[in-house]
Amino acid sequence: MKRFLLDWKKQFSTNTTIQHTMNAQILTKPECEAMYRGYLRERAETDTVWFIHKDQFFNHGRRGIQVMNNNELRQQAKQWRKHKRAGKIQMLECNNKTVEVGGETYYMLVLQMTSEDDDMDMVALMLAGEMVSGCCYFFRNKHNRDAIFRFVNSL
């Protein structure tokens, strides 16, 4: 499992967005389940959230679930907040859901681009049964998910 901090600044500073590079890219349910089992084998107690970053997955060979701990998540949330204030992304409260994946409860947060349509998050669909566009983040703790949501959406 590879740990990395997303570089949203780089993605939003180019003319090409994630959407253009990922058309017709899908994951199957067996692929999602295998990645989730790998995450369960390797996760650390300090992992706060797990996700699939579509661009990294399909275009840069990071074939697995990525994770962030609290420190990484705080840094990422600062970037998300900047992009939210600039009107480039949104996080809608109606997408904050409690889901079950593999018998475990997670608290889902969805980040969506505002400038164009996002692809469906195949991991959310295949593992949690949630059909939503954007990038889904699965938190182990509801308090952490809600705190990040409030921080990013505060003006």
C-alpha atoms as a PDB file:
ATOM      1  CA  MET A   1       0.000   0.000   0.000  1.00  0.00           C
ATOM      2  CA  LYS A   2       1.389   3.383  -0.890  1.00  0.00           C
ATOM      3  CA  ARG A   3       0.873   6.416   1.290  1.00  0.00           C
ATOM      4  CA  PHE A   4       0.839   9.793  -0.361  1.00  0.00           C
ATOM      5  CA  LEU A   5      -0.624  13.244   0.034  1.00  0.00           C
ATOM      6  CA  LEU A   6      -2.724  14.386  -2.890  1.00  0.00           C
ATOM      7  CA  ASP A   7      -1.438  17.364  -4.803  1.00  0.00           C
ATOM      8  CA  TRP A   8      -4.650  19.167  -5.729  1.00  0.00           C
ATOM      9  CA  LYS A   9      -2.778  22.392  -6.438  1.00  0.00           C
ATOM     10  CA  LYS A  10      -0.957  20.749  -9.327  1.00  0.00           C
ATOM     11  CA  GLN A  11      -4.163  19.255 -10.727  1.00  0.00           C
ATOM     12  CA  PHE A  12      -6.074  22.523 -10.652  1.00  0.00           C
ATOM     13  CA  SER A  13      -3.234  24.557 -12.135  1.00  0.00           C
ATOM     14  CA  THR A  14      -3.377  22.755 -15.488  1.00  0.00           C
ATOM     15  CA  ASN A  15      -5.891  23.097 -18.288  1.00  0.00           C
ATOM     16  CA  THR A  16      -6.567  19.359 -18.276  1.00  0.00           C
ATOM     17  CA  THR A  17      -8.598  17.896 -15.441  1.00  0.00           C
ATOM     18  CA  ILE A  18      -8.929  14.419 -14.064  1.00  0.00           C
ATOM     19  CA  GLN A  19     -12.163  13.912 -16.009  1.00  0.00           C
ATOM     20  CA  HIS A  20     -10.514  14.135 -19.414  1.00  0.00           C
ATOM     21  CA  THR A  21      -7.969  11.463 -18.568  1.00  0.00           C
ATOM     22  CA  MET A  22     -10.377   8.942 -17.140  1.00  0.00           C
ATOM     23  CA  ASN A  23     -13.299   8.515 -19.512  1.00  0.00           C
ATOM     24  CA  ALA A  24     -14.439   4.895 -19.737  1.00  0.00           C
ATOM     25  CA  GLN A  25     -12.201   3.821 -16.847  1.00  0.00           C
ATOM     26  CA  ILE A  26     -13.991   1.394 -14.566  1.00  0.00           C
ATOM     27  CA  LEU A  27     -13.172  -1.024 -11.796  1.00  0.00           C
ATOM     28  CA  THR A  28     -14.911  -4.332 -11.338  1.00  0.00           C
ATOM     29  CA  LYS A  29     -16.358  -5.539  -8.058  1.00  0.00           C
ATOM     30  CA  PRO A  30     -13.714  -8.304  -7.707  1.00  0.00           C
ATOM     31  CA  GLU A  31     -10.942  -5.709  -8.233  1.00  0.00           C
ATOM     32  CA  CYS A  32     -12.459  -3.435  -5.578  1.00  0.00           C
ATOM     33  CA  GLU A  33     -12.894  -6.304  -3.144  1.00  0.00           C
ATOM     34  CA  ALA A  34      -9.291  -7.452  -3.644  1.00  0.00           C
ATOM     35  CA  MET A  35      -7.984  -3.923  -3.016  1.00  0.00           C
ATOM     36  CA  TYR A  36     -10.104  -3.642   0.114  1.00  0.00           C
ATOM     37  CA  ARG A  37      -8.783  -6.959   1.457  1.00  0.00           C
ATOM     38  CA  GLY A  38      -5.242  -5.676   0.814  1.00  0.00           C
ATOM     39  CA  TYR A  39      -6.052  -2.509   2.723  1.00  0.00           C
ATOM     40  CA  LEU A  40      -7.361  -4.551   5.674  1.00  0.00           C
ATOM     41  CA  ARG A  41      -4.157  -6.615   5.784  1.00  0.00           C
ATOM     42  CA  GLU A  42      -1.881  -3.588   5.725  1.00  0.00           C
ATOM     43  CA  ARG A  43      -3.755  -0.804   7.475  1.00  0.00           C
ATOM     44  CA  ALA A  44      -2.206   0.893  10.461  1.00  0.00           C
ATOM     45  CA  GLU A  45      -3.973   2.096  13.584  1.00  0.00           C
ATOM     46  CA  THR A  46      -3.000   5.641  12.618  1.00  0.00           C
ATOM     47  CA  ASP A  47      -4.800   5.475   9.234  1.00  0.00           C
ATOM     48  CA  THR A  48      -7.705   7.908   9.456  1.00  0.00           C
ATOM     49  CA  VAL A  49      -9.197   7.630   5.978  1.00  0.00           C
ATOM     50  CA  TRP A  50      -8.922   5.428   2.880  1.00  0.00           C
ATOM     51  CA  PHE A  51      -9.776   6.167  -0.748  1.00  0.00           C
ATOM     52  CA  ILE A  52      -8.954   5.548  -4.390  1.00  0.00           C
ATOM     53  CA  HIS A  53      -7.597   8.587  -6.164  1.00  0.00           C
ATOM     54  CA  LYS A  54      -8.779   7.974  -9.725  1.00  0.00           C
ATOM     55  CA  ASP A  55      -6.062   9.858 -11.589  1.00  0.00           C
ATOM     56  CA  GLN A  56      -3.301   8.230  -9.572  1.00  0.00           C
ATOM     57  CA  PHE A  57      -4.938   4.822  -9.955  1.00  0.00           C
ATOM     58  CA  PHE A  58      -5.597   4.818 -13.692  1.00  0.00           C
ATOM     59  CA  ASN A  59      -2.810   7.060 -14.983  1.00  0.00           C
ATOM     60  CA  HIS A  60       0.099   6.702 -12.564  1.00  0.00           C
ATOM     61  CA  GLY A  61       0.094   3.049 -11.577  1.00  0.00           C
ATOM     62  CA  ARG A  62      -0.915   3.415  -7.926  1.00  0.00           C
ATOM     63  CA  ARG A  63      -3.018   0.255  -8.027  1.00  0.00           C
ATOM     64  CA  GLY A  64      -4.478   0.100  -4.578  1.00  0.00           C
ATOM     65  CA  ILE A  65      -6.187   1.924  -1.807  1.00  0.00           C
ATOM     66  CA  GLN A  66      -4.435   5.016  -0.501  1.00  0.00           C
ATOM     67  CA  VAL A  67      -4.614   6.179   3.100  1.00  0.00           C
ATOM     68  CA  MET A  68      -3.963   9.302   5.130  1.00  0.00           C
ATOM     69  CA  ASN A  69      -3.253   9.663   8.835  1.00  0.00           C
ATOM     70  CA  ASN A  70      -4.383  12.677  10.878  1.00  0.00           C
ATOM     71  CA  ASN A  71      -1.368  14.831  10.003  1.00  0.00           C
ATOM     72  CA  GLU A  72      -1.635  14.104   6.283  1.00  0.00           C
ATOM     73  CA  LEU A  73      -5.377  14.681   6.382  1.00  0.00           C
ATOM     74  CA  ARG A  74      -4.979  18.072   8.088  1.00  0.00           C
ATOM     75  CA  GLN A  75      -2.571  19.196   5.365  1.00  0.00           C
ATOM     76  CA  GLN A  76      -4.898  17.904   2.656  1.00  0.00           C
ATOM     77  CA  ALA A  77      -7.902  19.616   4.220  1.00  0.00           C
ATOM     78  CA  LYS A  78      -6.086  22.961   3.996  1.00  0.00           C
ATOM     79  CA  GLN A  79      -5.677  22.429   0.245  1.00  0.00           C
ATOM     80  CA  TRP A  80      -9.305  21.379  -0.137  1.00  0.00           C
ATOM     81  CA  ARG A  81     -10.403  24.494   1.748  1.00  0.00           C
ATOM     82  CA  LYS A  82      -8.446  26.746  -0.623  1.00  0.00           C
ATOM     83  CA  HIS A  83     -10.043  25.075  -3.638  1.00  0.00           C
ATOM     84  CA  LYS A  84     -13.496  25.236  -2.044  1.00  0.00           C
ATOM     85  CA  ARG A  85     -13.075  28.974  -1.471  1.00  0.00           C
ATOM     86  CA  ALA A  86     -11.987  29.350  -5.108  1.00  0.00           C
ATOM     87  CA  GLY A  87     -15.149  27.544  -6.203  1.00  0.00           C
ATOM     88  CA  LYS A  88     -13.318  24.603  -7.765  1.00  0.00           C
ATOM     89  CA  ILE A  89     -14.634  21.835  -5.516  1.00  0.00           C
ATOM     90  CA  GLN A  90     -17.647  21.147  -3.355  1.00  0.00           C
ATOM     91  CA  MET A  91     -18.542  18.871  -0.476  1.00  0.00           C
ATOM     92  CA  LEU A  92     -22.284  18.480  -0.016  1.00  0.00           C
ATOM     93  CA  GLU A  93     -23.722  17.418   3.326  1.00  0.00           C
ATOM     94  CA  CYS A  94     -26.269  15.159   1.606  1.00  0.00           C
ATOM     95  CA  ASN A  95     -23.342  12.967   0.469  1.00  0.00           C
ATOM     96  CA  ASN A  96     -22.076  12.411   4.033  1.00  0.00           C
ATOM     97  CA  LYS A  97     -23.249   8.865   4.598  1.00  0.00           C
ATOM     98  CA  THR A  98     -22.651   6.011   6.979  1.00  0.00           C
ATOM     99  CA  VAL A  99     -21.839   2.915   4.921  1.00  0.00           C
ATOM    100  CA  GLU A 100     -20.862  -0.667   5.572  1.00  0.00           C
ATOM    101  CA  VAL A 101     -17.972  -2.235   3.686  1.00  0.00           C
ATOM    102  CA  GLY A 102     -16.929  -5.789   4.419  1.00  0.00           C
ATOM    103  CA  GLY A 103     -18.830  -5.793   7.693  1.00  0.00           C
ATOM    104  CA  GLU A 104     -17.151  -2.605   8.959  1.00  0.00           C
ATOM    105  CA  THR A 105     -18.781   0.803   9.352  1.00  0.00           C
ATOM    106  CA  TYR A 106     -17.245   3.811   7.599  1.00  0.00           C
ATOM    107  CA  TYR A 107     -18.247   7.440   7.298  1.00  0.00           C
ATOM    108  CA  MET A 108     -18.154   8.620   3.704  1.00  0.00           C
ATOM    109  CA  LEU A 109     -17.200  12.108   2.535  1.00  0.00           C
ATOM    110  CA  VAL A 110     -17.487  13.043  -1.142  1.00  0.00           C
ATOM    111  CA  LEU A 111     -15.376  15.652  -2.906  1.00  0.00           C
ATOM    112  CA  GLN A 112     -16.749  16.842  -6.257  1.00  0.00           C
ATOM    113  CA  MET A 113     -15.397  19.175  -8.905  1.00  0.00           C
ATOM    114  CA  THR A 114     -17.724  22.130  -9.614  1.00  0.00           C
ATOM    115  CA  SER A 115     -16.578  22.922 -13.149  1.00  0.00           C
ATOM    116  CA  GLU A 116     -17.688  19.731 -14.858  1.00  0.00           C
ATOM    117  CA  ASP A 117     -19.216  16.327 -14.349  1.00  0.00           C
ATOM    118  CA  ASP A 118     -17.173  13.798 -12.401  1.00  0.00           C
ATOM    119  CA  ASP A 119     -17.096  10.090 -13.081  1.00  0.00           C
ATOM    120  CA  MET A 120     -18.793   7.743 -10.648  1.00  0.00           C
ATOM    121  CA  ASP A 121     -16.636   6.571  -7.775  1.00  0.00           C
ATOM    122  CA  MET A 122     -16.489   2.876  -8.604  1.00  0.00           C
ATOM    123  CA  VAL A 123     -15.188   1.880  -5.158  1.00  0.00           C
ATOM    124  CA  ALA A 124     -18.193   3.525  -3.473  1.00  0.00           C
ATOM    125  CA  LEU A 125     -20.527   1.811  -5.916  1.00  0.00           C
ATOM    126  CA  MET A 126     -18.955  -1.643  -5.816  1.00  0.00           C
ATOM    127  CA  LEU A 127     -18.132  -1.843  -2.100  1.00  0.00           C
ATOM    128  CA  ALA A 128     -20.663   0.414  -0.367  1.00  0.00           C
ATOM    129  CA  GLY A 129     -23.543   0.383  -2.853  1.00  0.00           C
ATOM    130  CA  GLU A 130     -23.488   4.193  -3.143  1.00  0.00           C
ATOM    131  CA  MET A 131     -23.790   5.747  -6.604  1.00  0.00           C
ATOM    132  CA  VAL A 132     -22.103   9.124  -6.415  1.00  0.00           C
ATOM    133  CA  SER A 133     -19.813  11.143  -8.635  1.00  0.00           C
ATOM    134  CA  GLY A 134     -16.525  12.546  -7.427  1.00  0.00           C
ATOM    135  CA  CYS A 135     -13.947  11.098  -5.061  1.00  0.00           C
ATOM    136  CA  CYS A 136     -15.182   9.261  -1.959  1.00  0.00           C
ATOM    137  CA  TYR A 137     -13.203   9.172   1.252  1.00  0.00           C
ATOM    138  CA  PHE A 138     -14.010   6.506   3.840  1.00  0.00           C
ATOM    139  CA  PHE A 139     -13.330   7.585   7.429  1.00  0.00           C
ATOM    140  CA  ARG A 140     -13.023   5.188  10.335  1.00  0.00           C
ATOM    141  CA  ASN A 141     -14.399   7.825  12.717  1.00  0.00           C
ATOM    142  CA  LYS A 142     -17.514   9.977  12.217  1.00  0.00           C
ATOM    143  CA  HIS A 143     -16.067  12.823  14.280  1.00  0.00           C
ATOM    144  CA  ASN A 144     -13.046  13.109  11.936  1.00  0.00           C
ATOM    145  CA  ARG A 145     -15.243  13.078   8.826  1.00  0.00           C
ATOM    146  CA  ASP A 146     -17.557  15.738  10.224  1.00  0.00           C
ATOM    147  CA  ALA A 147     -14.655  17.928  11.407  1.00  0.00           C
ATOM    148  CA  ILE A 148     -13.054  17.858   7.957  1.00  0.00           C
ATOM    149  CA  PHE A 149     -16.400  18.619   6.317  1.00  0.00           C
ATOM    150  CA  ARG A 150     -16.973  21.628   8.595  1.00  0.00           C
ATOM    151  CA  PHE A 151     -13.399  22.899   8.153  1.00  0.00           C
ATOM    152  CA  VAL A 152     -13.468  22.729   4.354  1.00  0.00           C
ATOM    153  CA  ASN A 153     -16.918  24.315   4.107  1.00  0.00           C
ATOM    154  CA  SER A 154     -16.267  27.114   6.601  1.00  0.00           C
ATOM    155  CA  LEU A 155     -15.710  30.492   5.034  1.00  0.00           C
END
